[in-house]
């Protein structure tokens, strides 16, 4: 939520008048339509049919987008079509609507734009490196030194004991 508030603070000066706010929020609502398209096209297994899991994700995502759209459309309807300055509270609400639309669109487009099989393949590619880093990167340097001394000592005594 903090990022939407930060983004709203950045947007607010750009929506200081009714006309500027109407144009920016109208563009945001148009951009929100692309998120709906991503939700409609969501197919987690990449197969020709959808299932219960994709229906639940589609339903939840649509409800999430609907809530943001409903609020933004309501705020849009209350905007004056003039170049008069907006009250700070109204400009802030419009900026927050736009930031919410950006966040929702980016989230939906990022999360639902790949199939579960694509996600699994990406995880399979990244897993060995992340496991090695997690296992090997978590061992302190002194432990590696001690392990090296033990191995060298073991090899030394093994070679000495075999007469080499």
C-alpha atoms as a PDB file:
ATOM      1  CA  UNK A   1       0.000   0.000   0.000  1.00  0.00           C
ATOM      2  CA  UNK A   2       2.879   2.357   0.740  1.00  0.00           C
ATOM      3  CA  UNK A   3       4.018   2.251  -2.875  1.00  0.00           C
ATOM      4  CA  UNK A   4       0.540   3.290  -4.079  1.00  0.00           C
ATOM      5  CA  UNK A   5       0.590   6.183  -1.607  1.00  0.00           C
ATOM      6  CA  UNK A   6       4.064   7.203  -2.758  1.00  0.00           C
ATOM      7  CA  UNK A   7       2.989   6.991  -6.388  1.00  0.00           C
ATOM      8  CA  UNK A   8      -0.174   8.997  -5.610  1.00  0.00           C
ATOM      9  CA  UNK A   9       1.987  11.769  -4.126  1.00  0.00           C
ATOM     10  CA  UNK A  10       3.980  11.846  -7.373  1.00  0.00           C
ATOM     11  CA  UNK A  11       0.834  11.963  -9.511  1.00  0.00           C
ATOM     12  CA  UNK A  12      -1.116  14.549  -7.501  1.00  0.00           C
ATOM     13  CA  UNK A  13       0.591  17.678  -8.936  1.00  0.00           C
ATOM     14  CA  UNK A  14      -0.245  16.442 -12.441  1.00  0.00           C
ATOM     15  CA  UNK A  15      -3.981  16.233 -11.671  1.00  0.00           C
ATOM     16  CA  UNK A  16      -4.412  19.655 -10.118  1.00  0.00           C
ATOM     17  CA  UNK A  17      -7.276  20.750 -12.391  1.00  0.00           C
ATOM     18  CA  UNK A  18     -10.517  19.086 -13.393  1.00  0.00           C
ATOM     19  CA  UNK A  19      -9.545  18.654 -17.051  1.00  0.00           C
ATOM     20  CA  UNK A  20      -6.073  17.306 -16.233  1.00  0.00           C
ATOM     21  CA  UNK A  21      -7.560  14.874 -13.731  1.00  0.00           C
ATOM     22  CA  UNK A  22     -10.258  13.747 -16.185  1.00  0.00           C
ATOM     23  CA  UNK A  23      -7.668  13.094 -18.885  1.00  0.00           C
ATOM     24  CA  UNK A  24      -5.271  11.198 -16.572  1.00  0.00           C
ATOM     25  CA  UNK A  25      -7.983   9.138 -14.877  1.00  0.00           C
ATOM     26  CA  UNK A  26      -9.652   8.406 -18.209  1.00  0.00           C
ATOM     27  CA  UNK A  27      -6.343   7.074 -19.528  1.00  0.00           C
ATOM     28  CA  UNK A  28      -5.942   5.010 -16.375  1.00  0.00           C
ATOM     29  CA  UNK A  29      -9.364   3.455 -16.857  1.00  0.00           C
ATOM     30  CA  UNK A  30      -8.422   2.622 -20.450  1.00  0.00           C
ATOM     31  CA  UNK A  31      -5.228   0.976 -19.183  1.00  0.00           C
ATOM     32  CA  UNK A  32      -7.277  -1.010 -16.682  1.00  0.00           C
ATOM     33  CA  UNK A  33      -9.055  -2.626 -19.618  1.00  0.00           C
ATOM     34  CA  UNK A  34      -5.796  -4.383 -20.551  1.00  0.00           C
ATOM     35  CA  UNK A  35      -5.726  -5.998 -17.125  1.00  0.00           C
ATOM     36  CA  UNK A  36      -9.252  -7.301 -17.694  1.00  0.00           C
ATOM     37  CA  UNK A  37      -8.049  -8.772 -21.006  1.00  0.00           C
ATOM     38  CA  UNK A  38      -5.199 -10.533 -19.200  1.00  0.00           C
ATOM     39  CA  UNK A  39      -7.650 -11.963 -16.660  1.00  0.00           C
ATOM     40  CA  UNK A  40      -9.968 -13.140 -19.443  1.00  0.00           C
ATOM     41  CA  UNK A  41      -7.079 -14.861 -21.230  1.00  0.00           C
ATOM     42  CA  UNK A  42      -5.691 -16.497 -18.070  1.00  0.00           C
ATOM     43  CA  UNK A  43      -5.066 -20.187 -18.591  1.00  0.00           C
ATOM     44  CA  UNK A  44      -2.730 -21.506 -15.886  1.00  0.00           C
ATOM     45  CA  UNK A  45      -1.953 -24.823 -17.530  1.00  0.00           C
ATOM     46  CA  UNK A  46      -1.714 -23.521 -21.067  1.00  0.00           C
ATOM     47  CA  UNK A  47      -4.352 -25.996 -22.171  1.00  0.00           C
ATOM     48  CA  UNK A  48      -7.440 -25.525 -24.318  1.00  0.00           C
ATOM     49  CA  UNK A  49      -9.767 -25.708 -21.334  1.00  0.00           C
ATOM     50  CA  UNK A  50      -9.874 -23.957 -18.014  1.00  0.00           C
ATOM     51  CA  UNK A  51     -10.592 -25.536 -14.675  1.00  0.00           C
ATOM     52  CA  UNK A  52     -11.762 -24.708 -11.193  1.00  0.00           C
ATOM     53  CA  UNK A  53      -8.418 -23.141 -10.258  1.00  0.00           C
ATOM     54  CA  UNK A  54      -8.402 -20.746 -13.190  1.00  0.00           C
ATOM     55  CA  UNK A  55     -12.084 -19.914 -12.649  1.00  0.00           C
ATOM     56  CA  UNK A  56     -11.363 -18.987  -9.018  1.00  0.00           C
ATOM     57  CA  UNK A  57      -8.385 -16.840  -9.996  1.00  0.00           C
ATOM     58  CA  UNK A  58     -10.369 -15.202 -12.777  1.00  0.00           C
ATOM     59  CA  UNK A  59     -13.297 -14.474 -10.461  1.00  0.00           C
ATOM     60  CA  UNK A  60     -11.113 -13.070  -7.677  1.00  0.00           C
ATOM     61  CA  UNK A  61      -9.041 -10.979 -10.074  1.00  0.00           C
ATOM     62  CA  UNK A  62     -12.140  -9.588 -11.755  1.00  0.00           C
ATOM     63  CA  UNK A  63     -13.657  -8.636  -8.387  1.00  0.00           C
ATOM     64  CA  UNK A  64     -10.384  -6.905  -7.444  1.00  0.00           C
ATOM     65  CA  UNK A  65     -10.334  -4.917 -10.691  1.00  0.00           C
ATOM     66  CA  UNK A  66     -14.058  -4.162 -10.449  1.00  0.00           C
ATOM     67  CA  UNK A  67     -13.600  -2.555  -7.028  1.00  0.00           C
ATOM     68  CA  UNK A  68     -10.869  -0.267  -8.314  1.00  0.00           C
ATOM     69  CA  UNK A  69     -12.799   0.551 -11.504  1.00  0.00           C
ATOM     70  CA  UNK A  70     -16.031   1.310  -9.641  1.00  0.00           C
ATOM     71  CA  UNK A  71     -14.306   3.779  -7.312  1.00  0.00           C
ATOM     72  CA  UNK A  72     -12.368   5.412 -10.165  1.00  0.00           C
ATOM     73  CA  UNK A  73     -15.489   5.773 -12.340  1.00  0.00           C
ATOM     74  CA  UNK A  74     -17.370   7.317  -9.414  1.00  0.00           C
ATOM     75  CA  UNK A  75     -14.553   9.799  -8.822  1.00  0.00           C
ATOM     76  CA  UNK A  76     -14.326  10.532 -12.548  1.00  0.00           C
ATOM     77  CA  UNK A  77     -18.037  11.368 -12.670  1.00  0.00           C
ATOM     78  CA  UNK A  78     -17.555  13.951  -9.894  1.00  0.00           C
ATOM     79  CA  UNK A  79     -14.728  15.766 -11.697  1.00  0.00           C
ATOM     80  CA  UNK A  80     -15.513  19.158 -13.206  1.00  0.00           C
ATOM     81  CA  UNK A  81     -14.679  19.561 -16.885  1.00  0.00           C
ATOM     82  CA  UNK A  82     -12.838  22.835 -16.272  1.00  0.00           C
ATOM     83  CA  UNK A  83      -9.326  24.092 -15.777  1.00  0.00           C
ATOM     84  CA  UNK A  84     -10.194  25.270 -12.281  1.00  0.00           C
ATOM     85  CA  UNK A  85      -7.963  23.901  -9.528  1.00  0.00           C
ATOM     86  CA  UNK A  86      -9.290  20.872  -7.664  1.00  0.00           C
ATOM     87  CA  UNK A  87      -9.486  20.800  -3.885  1.00  0.00           C
ATOM     88  CA  UNK A  88      -6.454  18.956  -2.455  1.00  0.00           C
ATOM     89  CA  UNK A  89      -8.558  16.088  -1.117  1.00  0.00           C
ATOM     90  CA  UNK A  90     -10.145  15.491  -4.524  1.00  0.00           C
ATOM     91  CA  UNK A  91      -6.806  15.721  -6.353  1.00  0.00           C
ATOM     92  CA  UNK A  92      -5.324  13.270  -3.860  1.00  0.00           C
ATOM     93  CA  UNK A  93      -8.204  10.821  -4.382  1.00  0.00           C
ATOM     94  CA  UNK A  94      -7.804  10.992  -8.164  1.00  0.00           C
ATOM     95  CA  UNK A  95      -4.048  10.485  -7.830  1.00  0.00           C
ATOM     96  CA  UNK A  96      -4.687   7.496  -5.539  1.00  0.00           C
ATOM     97  CA  UNK A  97      -7.179   6.060  -8.058  1.00  0.00           C
ATOM     98  CA  UNK A  98      -4.558   6.315 -10.805  1.00  0.00           C
ATOM     99  CA  UNK A  99      -1.860   4.771  -8.598  1.00  0.00           C
ATOM    100  CA  UNK A 100      -4.247   1.944  -7.672  1.00  0.00           C
ATOM    101  CA  UNK A 101      -5.013   1.311 -11.330  1.00  0.00           C
ATOM    102  CA  UNK A 102      -1.283   1.211 -12.143  1.00  0.00           C
ATOM    103  CA  UNK A 103      -0.584  -1.201  -9.293  1.00  0.00           C
ATOM    104  CA  UNK A 104      -3.510  -3.475 -10.147  1.00  0.00           C
ATOM    105  CA  UNK A 105      -2.732  -3.507 -13.867  1.00  0.00           C
ATOM    106  CA  UNK A 106       0.945  -4.234 -13.317  1.00  0.00           C
ATOM    107  CA  UNK A 107       0.205  -6.968 -10.793  1.00  0.00           C
ATOM    108  CA  UNK A 108      -2.410  -8.701 -12.925  1.00  0.00           C
ATOM    109  CA  UNK A 109      -0.361  -8.402 -16.104  1.00  0.00           C
ATOM    110  CA  UNK A 110       2.766  -9.747 -14.366  1.00  0.00           C
ATOM    111  CA  UNK A 111       1.161 -12.552 -12.391  1.00  0.00           C
ATOM    112  CA  UNK A 112      -1.401 -13.834 -14.867  1.00  0.00           C
ATOM    113  CA  UNK A 113       0.510 -13.388 -18.112  1.00  0.00           C
ATOM    114  CA  UNK A 114       2.331 -16.723 -17.827  1.00  0.00           C
ATOM    115  CA  UNK A 115       1.066 -20.250 -17.455  1.00  0.00           C
ATOM    116  CA  UNK A 116       1.838 -22.462 -14.489  1.00  0.00           C
ATOM    117  CA  UNK A 117       4.012 -24.552 -16.808  1.00  0.00           C
ATOM    118  CA  UNK A 118       6.036 -21.452 -17.740  1.00  0.00           C
ATOM    119  CA  UNK A 119       6.428 -20.652 -14.041  1.00  0.00           C
ATOM    120  CA  UNK A 120       7.519 -24.218 -13.312  1.00  0.00           C
ATOM    121  CA  UNK A 121      10.087 -24.137 -16.117  1.00  0.00           C
ATOM    122  CA  UNK A 122      11.487 -20.829 -14.848  1.00  0.00           C
ATOM    123  CA  UNK A 123      11.682 -22.220 -11.322  1.00  0.00           C
ATOM    124  CA  UNK A 124      13.441 -25.351 -12.571  1.00  0.00           C
ATOM    125  CA  UNK A 125      16.048 -23.183 -14.330  1.00  0.00           C
ATOM    126  CA  UNK A 126      16.636 -21.016 -11.255  1.00  0.00           C
ATOM    127  CA  UNK A 127      16.373 -23.672  -8.543  1.00  0.00           C
ATOM    128  CA  UNK A 128      19.860 -25.252  -8.763  1.00  0.00           C
ATOM    129  CA  UNK A 129      21.623 -21.900  -8.546  1.00  0.00           C
ATOM    130  CA  UNK A 130      19.436 -20.650  -5.711  1.00  0.00           C
ATOM    131  CA  UNK A 131      19.857 -23.906  -3.783  1.00  0.00           C
ATOM    132  CA  UNK A 132      23.636 -23.820  -4.169  1.00  0.00           C
ATOM    133  CA  UNK A 133      23.744 -20.198  -3.098  1.00  0.00           C
ATOM    134  CA  UNK A 134      21.469 -20.912  -0.147  1.00  0.00           C
ATOM    135  CA  UNK A 135      23.438 -23.931   0.992  1.00  0.00           C
ATOM    136  CA  UNK A 136      26.961 -22.850   0.168  1.00  0.00           C
ATOM    137  CA  UNK A 137      26.449 -19.151   0.759  1.00  0.00           C
ATOM    138  CA  UNK A 138      25.130 -19.790   4.264  1.00  0.00           C
ATOM    139  CA  UNK A 139      28.303 -21.562   5.427  1.00  0.00           C
ATOM    140  CA  UNK A 140      30.786 -19.269   7.168  1.00  0.00           C
ATOM    141  CA  UNK A 141      34.323 -19.009   5.808  1.00  0.00           C
ATOM    142  CA  UNK A 142      35.856 -20.513   8.946  1.00  0.00           C
ATOM    143  CA  UNK A 143      33.795 -23.675   8.424  1.00  0.00           C
ATOM    144  CA  UNK A 144      35.231 -24.078   4.932  1.00  0.00           C
ATOM    145  CA  UNK A 145      38.738 -23.656   6.328  1.00  0.00           C
ATOM    146  CA  UNK A 146      38.146 -26.234   9.067  1.00  0.00           C
ATOM    147  CA  UNK A 147      36.644 -28.649   6.524  1.00  0.00           C
ATOM    148  CA  UNK A 148      39.640 -28.139   4.231  1.00  0.00           C
ATOM    149  CA  UNK A 149      42.097 -28.803   7.095  1.00  0.00           C
ATOM    150  CA  UNK A 150      40.208 -31.978   8.029  1.00  0.00           C
ATOM    151  CA  UNK A 151      40.212 -33.245   4.439  1.00  0.00           C
ATOM    152  CA  UNK A 152      43.916 -32.443   3.961  1.00  0.00           C
ATOM    153  CA  UNK A 153      44.736 -34.064   7.317  1.00  0.00           C
ATOM    154  CA  UNK A 154      42.709 -37.150   6.469  1.00  0.00           C
ATOM    155  CA  UNK A 155      44.428 -37.484   3.094  1.00  0.00           C
ATOM    156  CA  UNK A 156      47.859 -36.909   4.670  1.00  0.00           C
ATOM    157  CA  UNK A 157      47.381 -39.619   7.320  1.00  0.00           C
ATOM    158  CA  UNK A 158      45.788 -41.981   4.812  1.00  0.00           C
ATOM    159  CA  UNK A 159      48.756 -41.604   2.475  1.00  0.00           C
ATOM    160  CA  UNK A 160      51.258 -41.923   5.357  1.00  0.00           C
ATOM    161  CA  UNK A 161      49.539 -45.046   6.642  1.00  0.00           C
ATOM    162  CA  UNK A 162      49.606 -46.725   3.223  1.00  0.00           C
ATOM    163  CA  UNK A 163      53.378 -46.229   2.925  1.00  0.00           C
ATOM    164  CA  UNK A 164      53.420 -43.739   0.133  1.00  0.00           C
END
